[in-house]
Amino acid sequence: MLLATAPLTLGWTPARDATGAALAWPAEAWPLALAEASPVWQWAAAQWTQAGPAAFRLQPPAAPAPDGVVTWGRITDAAEWDALVGDPALVAFTLWTREDDRLVDADVLTNEARFELVEPPAPRRYALRAVLAHELGHALGLGHSCGEAEGPACDALDVDDARLTALMAPRLAPGAGPSAPEADDVAGLAGVSRWTGAPRRPALGAPRPAGERVILPVAGWAPGDAARGWWAAAWHPVEVEGGALSVPREAAAAVWTAAGQGAVALAPLTPVEDAGGGPADAGADAAATGEAIEGSGCATAPVGPAAPWMWSVPGALALVRRRRRR
């Protein structure tokens, strides 16, 4: 017996500046450059590349990172956060730089001076992987799935509404939290992405113990792709032989195609202590160049009918910098 179901209502929105004008990366920016950082950062990026038409090309870390490279800065000093962002109640912030209606840079900042963001997820703690996956959605050019000026208020939606369960919904509860794109997120990514490549998505299989190491099968591999293992707080190149790669037990692993699709295995057998992201240079760049900063945010607050102790930041958790013409 077939049952009629209501059509899926999508609520995704593009990134917008303070005037409400839509912002998007130009076609030539794709695949977006992603500063190579710790495994959970790459894992969050890979959730997007596995789900939709997005791609990231990995860039070696640099201080300061050049424009056009999506970076992650972990702010552990409260005074520094206040100087960069201005609102101590925000958990995270994505800083966009634009030229007219084009995005030209994005930097993710996490407020670890006041919030405990943990990996792996733990009860009553904010999951770092969920925060980063959400923020990378903003870096790709997405706004929120509800609570924006052109859409419904989040607290007016049913608890199972796709706009409220989307990764880009402006809320996060302590615990695991959503960390992979849902239907609304994938539709939004298709709407903002100008990448025209053909995705070839790699995959890492279940690890097999081999003494002090583990073996991970690799699918979708081709010459020219990158394979890396994370141990001793750094990434190391590894070989793919016979359709598999080998890393130490305490390691994580990542494979990225030359076109920018990735797969990441977080701590196959032993949890890896996350060592963090790249340099937090976004605010310093803005101060040094005199770029105008505008944006909005809000503090920890309940959102939705069944979402206690959630944080919510309308306006895509983002400041928008307008590059001044010279």
Protein backbone atom coordinates (compact mmCIF):
# COMPACT_ATOMS: atom_id res chain seq x y z
CA MET A 1 0.00 0.00 0.00
CA LEU A 2 1.31 3.44 -0.91
CA LEU A 3 0.88 6.34 1.44
CA ALA A 4 0.82 9.93 0.27
CA THR A 5 3.48 12.11 1.86
CA ALA A 6 3.83 15.85 2.01
CA PRO A 7 6.42 17.32 -0.34
CA LEU A 8 9.75 18.28 1.21
CA THR A 9 9.82 21.98 2.00
CA LEU A 10 13.28 23.44 1.46
CA GLY A 11 14.46 26.48 3.34
CA TRP A 12 18.12 26.95 2.47
CA THR A 13 19.37 30.47 1.86
CA PRO A 14 22.53 31.84 0.27
CA ALA A 15 25.11 33.86 2.13
CA ARG A 16 24.04 37.49 2.39
CA ASP A 17 25.62 40.76 3.42
CA ALA A 18 24.09 43.21 5.91
CA THR A 19 21.88 44.71 3.18
CA GLY A 20 20.40 41.32 2.26
CA ALA A 21 22.26 40.99 -1.04
CA ALA A 22 23.20 37.40 -1.96
CA LEU A 23 26.89 36.49 -2.05
CA ALA A 24 28.54 33.61 -3.93
CA TRP A 25 31.98 32.35 -4.88
CA PRO A 26 32.88 32.97 -8.54
CA ALA A 27 33.12 30.00 -10.85
CA GLU A 28 36.90 30.22 -11.04
CA ALA A 29 37.21 29.73 -7.26
CA TRP A 30 35.98 26.12 -7.44
CA PRO A 31 37.14 23.78 -6.08
CA LEU A 32 37.61 25.98 -3.00
CA ALA A 33 41.04 26.01 -1.42
CA LEU A 34 40.99 24.51 2.09
CA ALA A 35 43.90 25.04 4.48
CA GLU A 36 45.17 21.66 5.61
CA ALA A 37 44.52 21.30 9.34
CA SER A 38 43.64 18.54 11.80
CA PRO A 39 41.61 15.44 10.93
CA VAL A 40 38.25 16.68 12.25
CA TRP A 41 38.51 19.79 10.03
CA GLN A 42 39.13 17.66 6.95
CA TRP A 43 36.44 15.20 8.03
CA ALA A 44 33.89 18.04 8.23
CA ALA A 45 34.90 19.23 4.75
CA ALA A 46 34.62 15.70 3.37
CA GLN A 47 31.01 15.45 4.59
CA TRP A 48 30.15 18.19 2.10
CA THR A 49 32.17 16.74 -0.78
CA GLN A 50 30.57 13.33 -0.24
CA ALA A 51 27.05 14.80 -0.24
CA GLY A 52 26.91 17.27 -3.10
CA PRO A 53 28.65 19.12 -5.91
CA ALA A 54 31.22 20.83 -3.67
CA ALA A 55 34.94 20.31 -3.72
CA PHE A 56 37.91 21.46 -1.68
CA ARG A 57 41.51 21.41 -2.81
CA LEU A 58 43.90 21.08 0.11
CA GLN A 59 46.50 23.79 0.65
CA PRO A 60 49.56 23.54 2.93
CA PRO A 61 49.09 25.68 6.04
CA ALA A 62 50.58 29.16 5.86
CA ALA A 63 50.69 32.14 8.21
CA PRO A 64 49.05 34.31 7.17
CA ALA A 65 46.93 32.31 4.74
CA PRO A 66 46.44 33.96 1.34
CA ASP A 67 43.01 35.22 0.29
CA GLY A 68 40.78 32.55 -1.19
CA VAL A 69 41.88 29.82 1.25
CA VAL A 70 39.26 28.68 3.77
CA THR A 71 40.98 28.57 7.17
CA TRP A 72 40.17 27.64 10.76
CA GLY A 73 41.30 29.66 13.75
CA ARG A 74 40.85 28.36 17.30
CA ILE A 75 40.51 31.32 19.65
CA THR A 76 41.45 30.37 23.22
CA ASP A 77 41.85 33.87 24.64
CA ALA A 78 38.64 35.66 25.63
CA ALA A 79 40.07 39.12 25.02
CA GLU A 80 41.18 38.11 21.53
CA TRP A 81 37.71 36.77 20.72
CA ASP A 82 36.08 39.94 21.99
CA ALA A 83 38.42 42.06 19.87
CA LEU A 84 37.85 39.99 16.73
CA VAL A 85 34.13 39.24 17.00
CA GLY A 86 32.73 41.39 19.78
CA ASP A 87 30.08 39.00 21.13
CA PRO A 88 31.29 36.62 23.88
CA ALA A 89 28.12 34.47 23.62
CA LEU A 90 28.87 33.13 20.14
CA VAL A 91 30.20 29.60 19.82
CA ALA A 92 31.64 30.08 16.33
CA PHE A 93 31.85 32.65 13.59
CA THR A 94 32.51 32.54 9.85
CA LEU A 95 34.18 35.61 8.45
CA TRP A 96 33.54 36.31 4.77
CA THR A 97 35.46 38.70 2.54
CA ARG A 98 33.68 39.95 -0.57
CA GLU A 99 34.19 42.08 -3.62
CA ASP A 100 30.78 43.37 -4.68
CA ASP A 101 28.59 40.24 -4.70
CA ARG A 102 31.50 37.80 -4.98
CA LEU A 103 32.97 35.89 -2.05
CA VAL A 104 36.76 35.94 -2.18
CA ASP A 105 37.71 34.55 1.24
CA ALA A 106 36.25 32.73 4.25
CA ASP A 107 37.69 32.09 7.71
CA VAL A 108 36.08 29.95 10.41
CA LEU A 109 36.67 30.95 14.03
CA THR A 110 35.70 28.84 17.07
CA ASN A 111 35.24 30.39 20.51
CA GLU A 112 37.21 27.96 22.66
CA ALA A 113 37.90 30.60 25.26
CA ARG A 114 34.37 30.19 26.62
CA PHE A 115 32.98 26.95 25.13
CA GLU A 116 34.24 23.40 25.40
CA LEU A 117 34.28 21.91 21.90
CA VAL A 118 35.32 18.28 22.00
CA GLU A 119 36.32 15.53 19.60
CA PRO A 120 35.10 12.83 19.71
CA PRO A 121 31.62 13.99 20.75
CA ALA A 122 30.70 13.64 24.41
CA PRO A 123 27.51 14.16 26.46
CA ARG A 124 26.85 17.74 27.60
CA ARG A 125 29.67 19.06 25.43
CA TYR A 126 29.51 20.75 22.03
CA ALA A 127 30.74 18.45 19.27
CA LEU A 128 33.62 20.04 17.39
CA ARG A 129 32.85 18.05 14.23
CA ALA A 130 29.26 19.36 14.17
CA VAL A 131 30.35 22.97 14.68
CA LEU A 132 32.95 22.75 11.91
CA ALA A 133 30.61 21.02 9.45
CA HIS A 134 28.03 23.77 9.99
CA GLU A 135 30.60 26.54 9.64
CA LEU A 136 32.04 25.05 6.46
CA GLY A 137 28.52 25.25 5.04
CA HIS A 138 28.72 29.00 5.62
CA ALA A 139 32.20 29.07 4.06
CA LEU A 140 30.75 27.39 0.96
CA GLY A 141 28.23 30.22 0.67
CA LEU A 142 25.18 28.97 2.55
CA GLY A 143 23.05 30.83 5.06
CA HIS A 144 20.66 29.19 7.50
CA SER A 145 17.75 26.91 6.66
CA CYS A 146 15.36 28.83 8.92
CA GLY A 147 15.30 32.01 10.92
CA GLU A 148 16.42 34.21 8.04
CA ALA A 149 14.52 37.29 6.89
CA GLU A 150 13.01 35.56 3.82
CA GLY A 151 12.01 32.33 5.58
CA PRO A 152 10.00 31.07 8.55
CA ALA A 153 11.11 31.43 12.14
CA CYS A 154 12.75 28.26 13.42
CA ASP A 155 10.45 28.04 16.44
CA ALA A 156 7.41 28.02 14.14
CA LEU A 157 8.44 24.70 12.54
CA ASP A 158 7.52 21.17 13.55
CA VAL A 159 10.32 19.32 15.29
CA ASP A 160 10.79 16.94 12.32
CA ASP A 161 10.64 19.65 9.64
CA ALA A 162 13.56 19.28 7.21
CA ARG A 163 14.46 22.92 7.70
CA LEU A 164 14.92 22.39 11.42
CA THR A 165 16.83 19.10 11.13
CA ALA A 166 19.20 20.40 8.43
CA LEU A 167 22.87 20.79 9.21
CA MET A 168 22.49 24.49 8.37
CA ALA A 169 19.69 25.03 10.89
CA PRO A 170 20.94 27.74 13.29
CA ARG A 171 21.10 25.55 16.35
CA LEU A 172 23.24 22.93 18.03
CA ALA A 173 22.58 20.87 21.14
CA PRO A 174 25.31 19.48 23.39
CA GLY A 175 26.17 15.92 22.42
CA ALA A 176 26.80 14.51 18.97
CA GLY A 177 24.69 16.99 17.00
CA PRO A 178 24.10 16.93 13.22
CA SER A 179 27.41 16.73 11.39
CA ALA A 180 26.50 15.68 7.83
CA PRO A 181 24.43 17.53 5.22
CA GLU A 182 20.75 16.61 4.97
CA ALA A 183 18.38 17.06 2.00
CA ASP A 184 17.93 20.80 2.55
CA ASP A 185 21.70 21.31 2.81
CA VAL A 186 22.41 19.34 -0.37
CA ALA A 187 19.77 21.35 -2.26
CA GLY A 188 21.35 24.55 -1.00
CA LEU A 189 24.82 23.45 -2.04
CA ALA A 190 23.55 22.66 -5.53
CA GLY A 191 22.06 26.14 -5.61
CA VAL A 192 25.20 28.06 -4.63
CA SER A 193 27.96 25.88 -6.06
CA ARG A 194 29.44 26.93 -9.39
CA TRP A 195 31.74 23.95 -9.58
CA THR A 196 31.27 22.06 -12.83
CA GLY A 197 33.63 19.14 -12.34
CA ALA A 198 32.56 15.50 -12.33
CA PRO A 199 32.79 14.19 -8.75
CA ARG A 200 34.82 11.06 -8.13
CA ARG A 201 34.25 10.32 -4.48
CA PRO A 202 36.82 8.14 -2.70
CA ALA A 203 35.93 5.96 0.27
CA LEU A 204 37.83 4.42 3.16
CA GLY A 205 36.70 0.99 4.33
CA ALA A 206 36.63 -0.56 7.79
CA PRO A 207 40.09 -0.74 9.39
CA ARG A 208 41.79 -4.08 9.93
CA PRO A 209 44.38 -4.42 12.70
CA ALA A 210 47.90 -5.37 11.60
CA GLY A 211 50.16 -5.42 14.64
CA GLU A 212 50.84 -1.81 15.68
CA ARG A 213 49.19 -0.52 12.53
CA VAL A 214 45.81 -0.68 10.81
CA ILE A 215 44.99 -1.35 7.17
CA LEU A 216 42.21 0.66 5.53
CA PRO A 217 40.80 -0.35 2.12
CA VAL A 218 40.58 2.56 -0.34
CA ALA A 219 37.93 2.74 -3.05
CA GLY A 220 37.81 5.26 -5.87
CA TRP A 221 41.56 5.76 -5.89
CA ALA A 222 43.53 7.01 -8.92
CA PRO A 223 47.11 8.14 -9.62
CA GLY A 224 47.60 11.75 -8.62
CA ASP A 225 45.28 11.54 -5.61
CA ALA A 226 46.65 12.32 -2.15
CA ALA A 227 46.73 9.90 0.78
CA ARG A 228 47.74 11.15 4.19
CA GLY A 229 47.98 9.81 7.73
CA TRP A 230 47.77 11.92 10.89
CA TRP A 231 49.98 11.03 13.82
CA ALA A 232 52.37 12.92 16.12
CA ALA A 233 50.18 16.03 15.57
CA ALA A 234 51.03 16.26 11.86
CA TRP A 235 49.99 14.91 8.47
CA HIS A 236 52.31 12.47 6.70
CA PRO A 237 52.12 11.11 3.14
CA VAL A 238 51.26 7.41 2.93
CA GLU A 239 51.26 4.97 0.04
CA VAL A 240 48.20 3.24 -1.38
CA GLU A 241 49.23 -0.29 -2.32
CA GLY A 242 46.94 -3.08 -3.39
CA GLY A 243 43.88 -0.91 -2.87
CA ALA A 244 44.68 -0.12 0.77
CA LEU A 245 46.76 2.16 2.98
CA SER A 246 48.48 1.54 6.31
CA VAL A 247 48.72 3.92 9.28
CA PRO A 248 49.61 3.56 12.97
CA ARG A 249 46.81 2.51 15.31
CA GLU A 250 46.55 5.95 16.88
CA ALA A 251 46.35 7.67 13.49
CA ALA A 252 43.61 9.12 11.36
CA ALA A 253 43.67 8.87 7.56
CA ALA A 254 42.51 10.95 4.62
CA VAL A 255 42.37 10.55 0.86
CA TRP A 256 41.59 13.41 -1.54
CA THR A 257 41.16 13.21 -5.28
CA ALA A 258 42.97 15.60 -7.55
CA ALA A 259 39.56 17.17 -8.34
CA GLY A 260 38.84 17.93 -4.69
CA GLN A 261 36.65 15.11 -3.30
CA GLY A 262 37.73 13.63 0.01
CA ALA A 263 37.19 10.84 2.51
CA VAL A 264 38.51 10.94 6.08
CA ALA A 265 38.63 8.24 8.77
CA LEU A 266 38.84 9.74 12.25
CA ALA A 267 40.98 7.77 14.68
CA PRO A 268 40.36 4.24 13.32
CA LEU A 269 41.16 2.33 16.51
CA THR A 270 42.43 4.80 19.10
CA PRO A 271 40.99 8.30 19.62
CA VAL A 272 43.30 11.02 18.32
CA GLU A 273 43.73 14.18 20.40
CA ASP A 274 42.82 16.96 18.01
CA ALA A 275 45.61 19.51 17.63
CA GLY A 276 43.54 22.25 16.07
CA GLY A 277 43.36 24.39 13.03
CA GLY A 278 45.53 26.90 11.29
CA PRO A 279 46.53 30.38 12.37
CA ALA A 280 43.77 32.70 13.53
CA ASP A 281 44.80 35.50 11.20
CA ALA A 282 41.42 36.57 9.84
CA GLY A 283 40.78 39.36 12.31
CA ALA A 284 44.38 40.52 12.15
CA ASP A 285 44.13 40.81 8.37
CA ALA A 286 41.01 42.92 8.69
CA ALA A 287 42.64 45.24 11.21
CA ALA A 288 45.79 45.60 9.16
CA THR A 289 44.02 46.44 5.90
CA GLY A 290 41.28 48.63 7.36
CA GLU A 291 38.53 46.53 5.77
CA ALA A 292 35.00 47.39 6.81
CA ILE A 293 33.40 44.74 9.02
CA GLU A 294 29.67 44.19 9.36
CA GLY A 295 27.53 41.30 10.55
CA SER A 296 25.26 39.92 13.24
CA GLY A 297 24.98 37.18 15.81
CA CYS A 298 23.11 36.11 18.95
CA ALA A 299 23.76 34.27 22.14
CA THR A 300 22.91 30.83 23.45
CA ALA A 301 19.14 30.40 23.35
CA PRO A 302 16.48 27.70 22.87
CA VAL A 303 15.38 27.27 19.24
CA GLY A 304 12.48 25.10 18.11
CA PRO A 305 9.92 23.14 20.09
CA ALA A 306 12.29 20.38 21.23
CA ALA A 307 15.69 21.99 21.27
CA PRO A 308 16.72 22.88 24.82
CA TRP A 309 20.15 24.38 25.47
CA MET A 310 20.87 25.16 21.87
CA TRP A 311 22.91 27.97 20.46
CA SER A 312 21.64 30.00 17.58
CA VAL A 313 23.28 32.64 15.47
CA PRO A 314 21.24 34.23 12.67
CA GLY A 315 22.99 35.91 9.79
CA ALA A 316 25.10 32.82 9.04
CA LEU A 317 27.36 33.28 12.07
CA ALA A 318 29.26 35.63 9.86
CA LEU A 319 30.94 38.93 9.63
CA VAL A 320 31.25 40.20 6.07
CA ARG A 321 34.29 42.16 5.06
CA ARG A 322 34.12 44.34 1.99
CA ARG A 323 37.46 44.67 0.31
CA ARG A 324 38.29 48.27 -0.41
CA ARG A 325 39.32 49.07 -3.93
CA ARG A 326 42.78 50.49 -4.44
